Amino acid sequence: MTVNAPRVLYLVISGAPAPEGLPSLVTLIQESGWRVVVFSTPMGTRFAELDELERLTGEPVRWEYRMPGTGERTPPADAVLACPLTFNSVNKFAHGHADNFAVGLLCEMAGYGVPVVVVLTASRNWRSHPAFGASLDTLQGMGVRVLFDPDAPYESRLPSWAKVAAALPAAASQEVTR
């Protein structure tokens, strides 16, 4: 039996504000045919509307490792969007410091070869730190698509959600044979 199933997008969020609102991003991505599952760093849970994200996706926002044999398995990802990703999380991801579930998931997905798009948010002071440039080089060398304008003013350091959605892999639905 062939079923036209939506592709699964993991949305990884970290501890930064998203001026357009993460629910708006999720809705836009869903309208493009993606099934969205949200993961967060511990600090990211303080910046997101978790109840609204869970309502929109029908899935809990995951931010902790689960014990083996407990909880429900997450559907496999077809792509990953890390947005917004902070200076701290960018550096951890680039250097494999998987000290929280969300960053560990990013490392794992990149290792599996799942397409990853990272949308960075960093103030000018953070951007000038030498580790940041090295981390961006590392991510790009891993095949991660990085959306970041180092010259953008602070208030517009994140691209519009339309630009973010346009950066995702094309063909948001695929045929699955079961």
N, C-alpha and C. Protein backbone atom coordinates (compact mmCIF):
# COMPACT_ATOMS: atom_id res chain seq x y z
N MET A 1 0.84 -1.17 0.00
CA MET A 1 0.00 0.00 0.00
C MET A 1 0.89 1.24 0.00
N THR A 2 0.62 2.18 -0.89
CA THR A 2 1.39 3.41 -0.94
C THR A 2 0.56 4.54 -0.32
N VAL A 3 1.16 5.24 0.60
CA VAL A 3 0.49 6.32 1.30
C VAL A 3 1.28 7.60 1.09
N ASN A 4 0.58 8.69 0.81
CA ASN A 4 1.24 9.98 0.71
C ASN A 4 1.29 10.58 2.11
N ALA A 5 2.43 10.49 2.75
CA ALA A 5 2.57 10.92 4.14
C ALA A 5 3.41 12.19 4.22
N PRO A 6 3.08 13.06 5.18
CA PRO A 6 3.92 14.25 5.31
C PRO A 6 5.31 13.89 5.81
N ARG A 7 6.27 14.64 5.33
CA ARG A 7 7.63 14.47 5.83
C ARG A 7 7.69 15.06 7.23
N VAL A 8 8.64 14.56 8.02
CA VAL A 8 8.77 14.98 9.41
C VAL A 8 9.92 15.96 9.54
N LEU A 9 9.63 17.09 10.15
CA LEU A 9 10.64 18.12 10.42
C LEU A 9 10.81 18.23 11.93
N TYR A 10 12.05 18.07 12.39
CA TYR A 10 12.35 18.34 13.79
C TYR A 10 12.70 19.83 13.88
N LEU A 11 11.98 20.55 14.72
CA LEU A 11 12.28 21.95 15.01
C LEU A 11 12.97 21.99 16.36
N VAL A 12 14.22 22.43 16.36
CA VAL A 12 15.00 22.52 17.60
C VAL A 12 15.12 23.99 17.96
N ILE A 13 14.69 24.33 19.18
CA ILE A 13 14.72 25.72 19.62
C ILE A 13 15.67 25.85 20.81
N SER A 14 16.21 27.05 20.98
CA SER A 14 17.09 27.29 22.12
C SER A 14 16.68 28.60 22.79
N GLY A 15 17.43 29.03 23.77
CA GLY A 15 17.06 30.14 24.64
C GLY A 15 17.22 31.51 24.03
N ALA A 16 16.37 31.83 23.07
CA ALA A 16 16.40 33.15 22.44
C ALA A 16 14.99 33.52 22.02
N PRO A 17 14.68 34.81 22.05
CA PRO A 17 13.35 35.22 21.58
C PRO A 17 13.23 35.09 20.07
N ALA A 18 12.02 34.85 19.63
CA ALA A 18 11.71 34.79 18.20
C ALA A 18 10.63 35.84 17.95
N PRO A 19 11.02 37.00 17.41
CA PRO A 19 10.07 38.10 17.28
C PRO A 19 8.78 37.77 16.55
N GLU A 20 8.83 36.92 15.52
CA GLU A 20 7.61 36.57 14.80
C GLU A 20 6.80 35.48 15.51
N GLY A 21 7.36 34.90 16.56
CA GLY A 21 6.68 33.86 17.32
C GLY A 21 6.85 32.49 16.72
N LEU A 22 7.24 31.54 17.54
CA LEU A 22 7.45 30.17 17.07
C LEU A 22 6.16 29.50 16.58
N PRO A 23 4.99 29.77 17.20
CA PRO A 23 3.77 29.19 16.64
C PRO A 23 3.53 29.61 15.19
N SER A 24 3.87 30.84 14.85
CA SER A 24 3.72 31.28 13.45
C SER A 24 4.64 30.50 12.53
N LEU A 25 5.86 30.22 12.98
CA LEU A 25 6.80 29.43 12.19
C LEU A 25 6.27 28.02 11.99
N VAL A 26 5.79 27.40 13.07
CA VAL A 26 5.25 26.04 12.97
C VAL A 26 4.09 25.99 12.00
N THR A 27 3.17 26.94 12.10
CA THR A 27 2.02 26.98 11.20
C THR A 27 2.44 27.11 9.75
N LEU A 28 3.39 27.99 9.48
CA LEU A 28 3.89 28.19 8.12
C LEU A 28 4.51 26.90 7.57
N ILE A 29 5.29 26.22 8.38
CA ILE A 29 5.94 24.99 7.96
C ILE A 29 4.89 23.88 7.73
N GLN A 30 3.91 23.81 8.61
CA GLN A 30 2.85 22.82 8.44
C GLN A 30 2.07 23.08 7.16
N GLU A 31 1.84 24.34 6.83
CA GLU A 31 1.12 24.68 5.59
C GLU A 31 1.90 24.26 4.35
N SER A 32 3.21 24.06 4.52
CA SER A 32 4.05 23.57 3.41
C SER A 32 4.05 22.05 3.34
N GLY A 33 3.28 21.40 4.22
CA GLY A 33 3.16 19.95 4.16
C GLY A 33 4.00 19.16 5.13
N TRP A 34 4.69 19.82 6.03
CA TRP A 34 5.54 19.12 7.00
C TRP A 34 4.76 18.75 8.26
N ARG A 35 5.11 17.63 8.84
CA ARG A 35 4.70 17.29 10.20
C ARG A 35 5.83 17.79 11.09
N VAL A 36 5.52 18.62 12.07
CA VAL A 36 6.55 19.25 12.90
C VAL A 36 6.56 18.62 14.29
N VAL A 37 7.76 18.29 14.76
CA VAL A 37 7.97 17.82 16.12
C VAL A 37 9.00 18.78 16.74
N VAL A 38 8.68 19.33 17.92
CA VAL A 38 9.52 20.37 18.53
C VAL A 38 10.37 19.79 19.66
N PHE A 39 11.64 20.19 19.65
CA PHE A 39 12.60 19.85 20.69
C PHE A 39 13.20 21.15 21.20
N SER A 40 13.58 21.19 22.46
CA SER A 40 14.10 22.43 23.03
C SER A 40 15.28 22.16 23.94
N THR A 41 16.18 23.14 23.98
CA THR A 41 17.19 23.13 25.04
C THR A 41 16.46 23.46 26.34
N PRO A 42 17.06 23.16 27.49
CA PRO A 42 16.39 23.53 28.75
C PRO A 42 16.06 25.03 28.81
N MET A 43 16.99 25.88 28.39
CA MET A 43 16.73 27.32 28.43
C MET A 43 15.67 27.72 27.40
N GLY A 44 15.61 27.01 26.30
CA GLY A 44 14.62 27.31 25.27
C GLY A 44 13.19 27.19 25.77
N THR A 45 12.97 26.33 26.76
CA THR A 45 11.61 26.17 27.29
C THR A 45 11.11 27.46 27.93
N ARG A 46 12.01 28.32 28.32
CA ARG A 46 11.63 29.59 28.95
C ARG A 46 11.26 30.66 27.93
N PHE A 47 11.60 30.44 26.66
CA PHE A 47 11.37 31.44 25.62
C PHE A 47 10.25 31.06 24.66
N ALA A 48 9.66 29.89 24.85
CA ALA A 48 8.68 29.40 23.89
C ALA A 48 7.30 29.23 24.53
N GLU A 49 6.29 29.27 23.70
CA GLU A 49 4.91 29.04 24.11
C GLU A 49 4.65 27.54 24.01
N LEU A 50 5.13 26.79 25.00
CA LEU A 50 5.11 25.33 24.92
C LEU A 50 3.71 24.76 24.72
N ASP A 51 2.72 25.26 25.46
CA ASP A 51 1.36 24.75 25.32
C ASP A 51 0.83 24.97 23.91
N GLU A 52 1.11 26.12 23.33
CA GLU A 52 0.65 26.42 21.98
C GLU A 52 1.38 25.55 20.95
N LEU A 53 2.67 25.34 21.13
CA LEU A 53 3.42 24.48 20.22
C LEU A 53 2.90 23.05 20.29
N GLU A 54 2.59 22.58 21.49
CA GLU A 54 2.04 21.23 21.63
C GLU A 54 0.65 21.13 21.01
N ARG A 55 -0.16 22.17 21.14
CA ARG A 55 -1.48 22.18 20.52
C ARG A 55 -1.37 22.13 19.00
N LEU A 56 -0.47 22.92 18.45
CA LEU A 56 -0.31 22.97 16.99
C LEU A 56 0.23 21.67 16.40
N THR A 57 1.17 21.05 17.10
CA THR A 57 1.84 19.86 16.55
C THR A 57 1.17 18.55 16.97
N GLY A 58 0.40 18.59 18.05
CA GLY A 58 -0.17 17.35 18.58
C GLY A 58 0.87 16.48 19.25
N GLU A 59 2.02 17.04 19.52
CA GLU A 59 3.14 16.31 20.11
C GLU A 59 3.68 17.09 21.31
N PRO A 60 4.18 16.39 22.34
CA PRO A 60 4.82 17.14 23.43
C PRO A 60 6.12 17.78 22.95
N VAL A 61 6.45 18.92 23.53
CA VAL A 61 7.76 19.52 23.27
C VAL A 61 8.76 18.73 24.12
N ARG A 62 9.71 18.14 23.46
CA ARG A 62 10.67 17.29 24.17
C ARG A 62 11.93 18.09 24.49
N TRP A 63 12.38 17.98 25.73
CA TRP A 63 13.59 18.71 26.12
C TRP A 63 14.49 17.90 27.04
N GLU A 64 14.06 16.68 27.39
CA GLU A 64 14.87 15.82 28.24
C GLU A 64 15.04 14.47 27.56
N TYR A 65 16.14 13.82 27.87
CA TYR A 65 16.31 12.44 27.44
C TYR A 65 15.25 11.60 28.15
N ARG A 66 14.74 10.59 27.47
CA ARG A 66 13.82 9.67 28.13
C ARG A 66 14.58 8.42 28.53
N MET A 67 14.09 7.75 29.52
CA MET A 67 14.70 6.51 29.95
C MET A 67 14.41 5.43 28.89
N PRO A 68 15.37 4.57 28.61
CA PRO A 68 15.12 3.51 27.62
C PRO A 68 13.86 2.71 27.98
N GLY A 69 13.05 2.45 26.95
CA GLY A 69 11.84 1.66 27.14
C GLY A 69 10.66 2.45 27.67
N THR A 70 10.82 3.75 27.84
CA THR A 70 9.70 4.57 28.32
C THR A 70 9.31 5.57 27.25
N GLY A 71 8.09 6.04 27.35
CA GLY A 71 7.62 7.08 26.44
C GLY A 71 7.42 6.57 25.03
N GLU A 72 6.94 7.45 24.18
CA GLU A 72 6.68 7.11 22.78
C GLU A 72 7.89 7.46 21.93
N ARG A 73 8.12 6.65 20.93
CA ARG A 73 9.21 6.92 19.99
C ARG A 73 8.81 8.12 19.13
N THR A 74 9.80 8.87 18.76
CA THR A 74 9.61 10.02 17.88
C THR A 74 9.70 9.53 16.44
N PRO A 75 8.84 10.03 15.55
CA PRO A 75 8.97 9.60 14.16
C PRO A 75 10.33 10.05 13.60
N PRO A 76 10.91 9.26 12.70
CA PRO A 76 12.21 9.65 12.14
C PRO A 76 12.12 10.96 11.36
N ALA A 77 13.16 11.76 11.44
CA ALA A 77 13.19 13.07 10.78
C ALA A 77 13.63 12.95 9.33
N ASP A 78 12.98 13.75 8.49
CA ASP A 78 13.41 13.93 7.11
C ASP A 78 14.29 15.16 6.99
N ALA A 79 14.15 16.08 7.93
CA ALA A 79 14.97 17.30 7.97
C ALA A 79 14.90 17.87 9.38
N VAL A 80 15.86 18.74 9.68
CA VAL A 80 15.93 19.40 10.98
C VAL A 80 16.10 20.89 10.75
N LEU A 81 15.34 21.67 11.50
CA LEU A 81 15.48 23.12 11.51
C LEU A 81 15.80 23.54 12.94
N ALA A 82 16.95 24.15 13.15
CA ALA A 82 17.33 24.65 14.46
C ALA A 82 17.15 26.16 14.42
N CYS A 83 16.10 26.65 15.09
CA CYS A 83 15.73 28.06 14.96
C CYS A 83 14.88 28.49 16.14
N PRO A 84 15.27 29.51 16.86
CA PRO A 84 16.56 30.17 16.77
C PRO A 84 17.61 29.38 17.55
N LEU A 85 18.83 29.45 17.09
CA LEU A 85 19.93 28.79 17.77
C LEU A 85 20.89 29.85 18.30
N THR A 86 21.20 29.79 19.57
CA THR A 86 22.03 30.79 20.23
C THR A 86 23.52 30.53 20.04
N PHE A 87 24.31 31.51 20.40
CA PHE A 87 25.78 31.41 20.40
C PHE A 87 26.22 30.14 21.12
N ASN A 88 25.68 29.93 22.32
CA ASN A 88 26.06 28.78 23.13
C ASN A 88 25.72 27.47 22.43
N SER A 89 24.50 27.35 21.92
CA SER A 89 24.08 26.11 21.27
C SER A 89 24.81 25.87 19.95
N VAL A 90 25.11 26.94 19.21
CA VAL A 90 25.88 26.81 17.97
C VAL A 90 27.25 26.21 18.28
N ASN A 91 27.92 26.75 19.27
CA ASN A 91 29.25 26.25 19.62
C ASN A 91 29.20 24.81 20.12
N LYS A 92 28.20 24.49 20.93
CA LYS A 92 28.06 23.11 21.41
C LYS A 92 27.82 22.15 20.25
N PHE A 93 26.92 22.50 19.36
CA PHE A 93 26.60 21.65 18.21
C PHE A 93 27.85 21.44 17.35
N ALA A 94 28.54 22.50 17.04
CA ALA A 94 29.71 22.42 16.16
C ALA A 94 30.81 21.54 16.75
N HIS A 95 30.92 21.52 18.04
CA HIS A 95 32.02 20.79 18.68
C HIS A 95 31.57 19.51 19.38
N GLY A 96 30.30 19.12 19.16
CA GLY A 96 29.83 17.85 19.67
C GLY A 96 29.62 17.78 21.17
N HIS A 97 29.37 18.92 21.80
CA HIS A 97 29.12 18.93 23.25
C HIS A 97 27.63 18.70 23.48
N ALA A 98 27.25 17.44 23.51
CA ALA A 98 25.84 17.07 23.60
C ALA A 98 25.41 16.97 25.06
N ASP A 99 25.49 18.09 25.78
CA ASP A 99 25.16 18.07 27.19
C ASP A 99 23.68 18.31 27.48
N ASN A 100 22.88 18.46 26.43
CA ASN A 100 21.44 18.49 26.62
C ASN A 100 20.80 17.76 25.44
N PHE A 101 19.55 17.37 25.61
CA PHE A 101 18.89 16.53 24.64
C PHE A 101 18.82 17.18 23.26
N ALA A 102 18.46 18.46 23.18
CA ALA A 102 18.29 19.12 21.89
C ALA A 102 19.60 19.19 21.11
N VAL A 103 20.68 19.57 21.76
CA VAL A 103 21.97 19.66 21.06
C VAL A 103 22.46 18.25 20.71
N GLY A 104 22.25 17.29 21.58
CA GLY A 104 22.60 15.91 21.26
C GLY A 104 21.84 15.41 20.04
N LEU A 105 20.58 15.79 19.94
CA LEU A 105 19.77 15.41 18.78
C LEU A 105 20.33 16.03 17.50
N LEU A 106 20.74 17.30 17.56
CA LEU A 106 21.36 17.94 16.40
C LEU A 106 22.61 17.19 15.96
N CYS A 107 23.44 16.84 16.91
CA CYS A 107 24.67 16.09 16.60
C CYS A 107 24.34 14.75 15.96
N GLU A 108 23.36 14.07 16.52
CA GLU A 108 22.97 12.76 16.00
C GLU A 108 22.39 12.86 14.59
N MET A 109 21.52 13.83 14.37
CA MET A 109 20.90 13.97 13.05
C MET A 109 21.95 14.31 11.98
N ALA A 110 22.88 15.18 12.32
CA ALA A 110 23.96 15.51 11.37
C ALA A 110 24.78 14.26 11.08
N GLY A 111 25.02 13.44 12.09
CA GLY A 111 25.76 12.20 11.91
C GLY A 111 25.04 11.21 11.01
N TYR A 112 23.72 11.21 11.06
CA TYR A 112 22.91 10.34 10.19
C TYR A 112 22.80 10.88 8.77
N GLY A 113 23.22 12.11 8.56
CA GLY A 113 23.11 12.70 7.24
C GLY A 113 21.76 13.32 6.94
N VAL A 114 20.96 13.55 7.98
CA VAL A 114 19.68 14.22 7.81
C VAL A 114 19.97 15.69 7.51
N PRO A 115 19.31 16.28 6.51
CA PRO A 115 19.56 17.70 6.21
C PRO A 115 19.24 18.58 7.42
N VAL A 116 20.17 19.47 7.75
CA VAL A 116 20.00 20.37 8.90
C VAL A 116 20.15 21.81 8.42
N VAL A 117 19.18 22.64 8.82
CA VAL A 117 19.24 24.08 8.58
C VAL A 117 19.31 24.75 9.95
N VAL A 118 20.28 25.63 10.12
CA VAL A 118 20.45 26.35 11.38
C VAL A 118 20.23 27.83 11.13
N VAL A 119 19.37 28.42 11.96
CA VAL A 119 19.12 29.86 11.90
C VAL A 119 19.66 30.45 13.20
N LEU A 120 20.71 31.24 13.06
CA LEU A 120 21.44 31.75 14.21
C LEU A 120 20.89 33.07 14.70
N THR A 121 20.99 33.25 15.99
CA THR A 121 20.71 34.54 16.59
C THR A 121 21.86 34.85 17.54
N ALA A 122 22.54 35.93 17.27
CA ALA A 122 23.67 36.31 18.12
C ALA A 122 23.88 37.81 18.01
N SER A 123 24.12 38.44 19.13
CA SER A 123 24.39 39.88 19.11
C SER A 123 25.78 40.13 18.52
N ARG A 124 26.04 41.35 18.15
CA ARG A 124 27.32 41.71 17.56
C ARG A 124 28.49 41.32 18.47
N ASN A 125 28.32 41.48 19.79
CA ASN A 125 29.40 41.13 20.72
C ASN A 125 29.73 39.65 20.66
N TRP A 126 28.72 38.81 20.62
CA TRP A 126 28.95 37.37 20.55
C TRP A 126 29.54 36.98 19.20
N ARG A 127 29.05 37.62 18.14
CA ARG A 127 29.49 37.27 16.79
C ARG A 127 30.98 37.52 16.60
N SER A 128 31.54 38.46 17.36
CA SER A 128 32.96 38.78 17.18
C SER A 128 33.89 37.81 17.90
N HIS A 129 33.35 36.92 18.70
CA HIS A 129 34.17 35.95 19.41
C HIS A 129 34.76 34.95 18.41
N PRO A 130 36.07 34.66 18.48
CA PRO A 130 36.69 33.77 17.48
C PRO A 130 36.09 32.37 17.45
N ALA A 131 35.59 31.87 18.57
CA ALA A 131 35.00 30.53 18.56
C ALA A 131 33.76 30.47 17.68
N PHE A 132 33.05 31.57 17.59
CA PHE A 132 31.81 31.60 16.81
C PHE A 132 32.09 31.39 15.33
N GLY A 133 33.06 32.12 14.78
CA GLY A 133 33.42 31.95 13.37
C GLY A 133 33.91 30.54 13.09
N ALA A 134 34.70 30.00 13.99
CA ALA A 134 35.19 28.63 13.83
C ALA A 134 34.04 27.63 13.86
N SER A 135 33.07 27.88 14.72
CA SER A 135 31.91 26.99 14.80
C SER A 135 31.09 27.04 13.52
N LEU A 136 30.91 28.23 12.96
CA LEU A 136 30.18 28.34 11.69
C LEU A 136 30.90 27.59 10.59
N ASP A 137 32.22 27.71 10.54
CA ASP A 137 33.01 26.98 9.54
C ASP A 137 32.84 25.47 9.73
N THR A 138 32.86 25.02 10.97
CA THR A 138 32.71 23.59 11.26
C THR A 138 31.34 23.10 10.80
N LEU A 139 30.29 23.84 11.15
CA LEU A 139 28.94 23.44 10.75
C LEU A 139 28.81 23.36 9.23
N GLN A 140 29.30 24.38 8.55
CA GLN A 140 29.21 24.38 7.09
C GLN A 140 30.03 23.24 6.50
N GLY A 141 31.16 22.92 7.11
CA GLY A 141 31.97 21.79 6.66
C GLY A 141 31.27 20.45 6.88
N MET A 142 30.33 20.41 7.83
CA MET A 142 29.54 19.20 8.09
C MET A 142 28.36 19.10 7.13
N GLY A 143 28.16 20.12 6.31
CA GLY A 143 27.03 20.11 5.38
C GLY A 143 25.78 20.77 5.94
N VAL A 144 25.90 21.42 7.09
CA VAL A 144 24.77 22.12 7.68
C VAL A 144 24.55 23.43 6.93
N ARG A 145 23.31 23.71 6.57
CA ARG A 145 22.99 24.99 5.93
C ARG A 145 22.78 26.02 7.03
N VAL A 146 23.54 27.10 6.98
CA VAL A 146 23.50 28.13 8.01
C VAL A 146 22.86 29.39 7.44
N LEU A 147 21.80 29.86 8.09
CA LEU A 147 21.17 31.13 7.74
C LEU A 147 21.59 32.15 8.78
N PHE A 148 22.41 33.08 8.34
CA PHE A 148 22.95 34.06 9.28
C PHE A 148 23.51 35.23 8.50
N ASP A 149 23.09 36.42 8.86
CA ASP A 149 23.62 37.64 8.26
C ASP A 149 24.40 38.39 9.34
N PRO A 150 25.73 38.31 9.31
CA PRO A 150 26.52 38.95 10.37
C PRO A 150 26.39 40.46 10.38
N ASP A 151 25.91 41.04 9.30
CA ASP A 151 25.77 42.50 9.25
C ASP A 151 24.37 42.98 9.60
N ALA A 152 23.46 42.06 9.87
CA ALA A 152 22.09 42.47 10.20
C ALA A 152 22.06 43.20 11.53
N PRO A 153 21.25 44.25 11.63
CA PRO A 153 21.10 44.92 12.92
C PRO A 153 20.46 43.97 13.94
N TYR A 154 20.70 44.24 15.19
CA TYR A 154 20.23 43.36 16.27
C TYR A 154 18.75 43.03 16.14
N GLU A 155 17.92 44.03 15.88
CA GLU A 155 16.47 43.83 15.86
C GLU A 155 16.00 42.99 14.66
N SER A 156 16.85 42.77 13.67
CA SER A 156 16.45 41.93 12.53
C SER A 156 17.48 40.84 12.27
N ARG A 157 18.08 40.32 13.34
CA ARG A 157 19.12 39.31 13.16
C ARG A 157 18.56 37.97 12.72
N LEU A 158 17.26 37.72 12.96
CA LEU A 158 16.64 36.51 12.43
C LEU A 158 15.97 36.84 11.10
N PRO A 159 16.11 35.99 10.10
CA PRO A 159 15.39 36.24 8.84
C PRO A 159 13.88 36.06 9.05
N SER A 160 13.10 36.51 8.11
CA SER A 160 11.65 36.32 8.20
C SER A 160 11.35 34.82 8.17
N TRP A 161 10.20 34.46 8.73
CA TRP A 161 9.81 33.06 8.71
C TRP A 161 9.64 32.56 7.27
N ALA A 162 9.22 33.42 6.36
CA ALA A 162 9.09 33.01 4.95
C ALA A 162 10.45 32.59 4.40
N LYS A 163 11.52 33.34 4.73
CA LYS A 163 12.86 32.97 4.27
C LYS A 163 13.33 31.68 4.93
N VAL A 164 12.99 31.51 6.19
CA VAL A 164 13.37 30.28 6.89
C VAL A 164 12.68 29.08 6.24
N ALA A 165 11.37 29.19 6.01
CA ALA A 165 10.63 28.09 5.40
C ALA A 165 11.16 27.78 4.00
N ALA A 166 11.53 28.81 3.27
CA ALA A 166 12.05 28.62 1.91
C ALA A 166 13.40 27.90 1.92
N ALA A 167 14.12 27.93 3.04
CA ALA A 167 15.43 27.28 3.13
C ALA A 167 15.33 25.79 3.41
N LEU A 168 14.13 25.31 3.74
CA LEU A 168 13.96 23.89 4.02
C LEU A 168 14.04 23.08 2.74
N PRO A 169 14.40 21.81 2.86
CA PRO A 169 14.44 20.97 1.66
C PRO A 169 13.10 21.00 0.93
N ALA A 170 13.14 20.92 -0.39
CA ALA A 170 11.93 20.97 -1.21
C ALA A 170 11.13 19.69 -1.09
N ALA A 171 9.95 19.70 -1.67
CA ALA A 171 9.06 18.53 -1.72
C ALA A 171 8.72 18.04 -0.34
N ALA A 172 7.86 18.77 0.33
CA ALA A 172 7.51 18.46 1.71
C ALA A 172 6.65 17.22 1.88
N SER A 173 6.24 16.58 0.80
CA SER A 173 5.56 15.30 0.95
C SER A 173 6.24 14.26 0.07
N GLN A 174 6.20 13.06 0.53
CA GLN A 174 6.84 11.99 -0.23
C GLN A 174 5.95 10.76 -0.19
N GLU A 175 6.13 9.88 -1.13
CA GLU A 175 5.39 8.63 -1.09
C GLU A 175 6.13 7.65 -0.21
N VAL A 176 5.37 7.04 0.66
CA VAL A 176 5.93 6.04 1.57
C VAL A 176 5.25 4.72 1.26
N THR A 177 6.02 3.68 1.07
CA THR A 177 5.46 2.36 0.83
C THR A 177 5.44 1.61 2.14
N ARG A 178 4.28 1.07 2.46
CA ARG A 178 4.15 0.32 3.73
C ARG A 178 3.68 -1.07 3.46
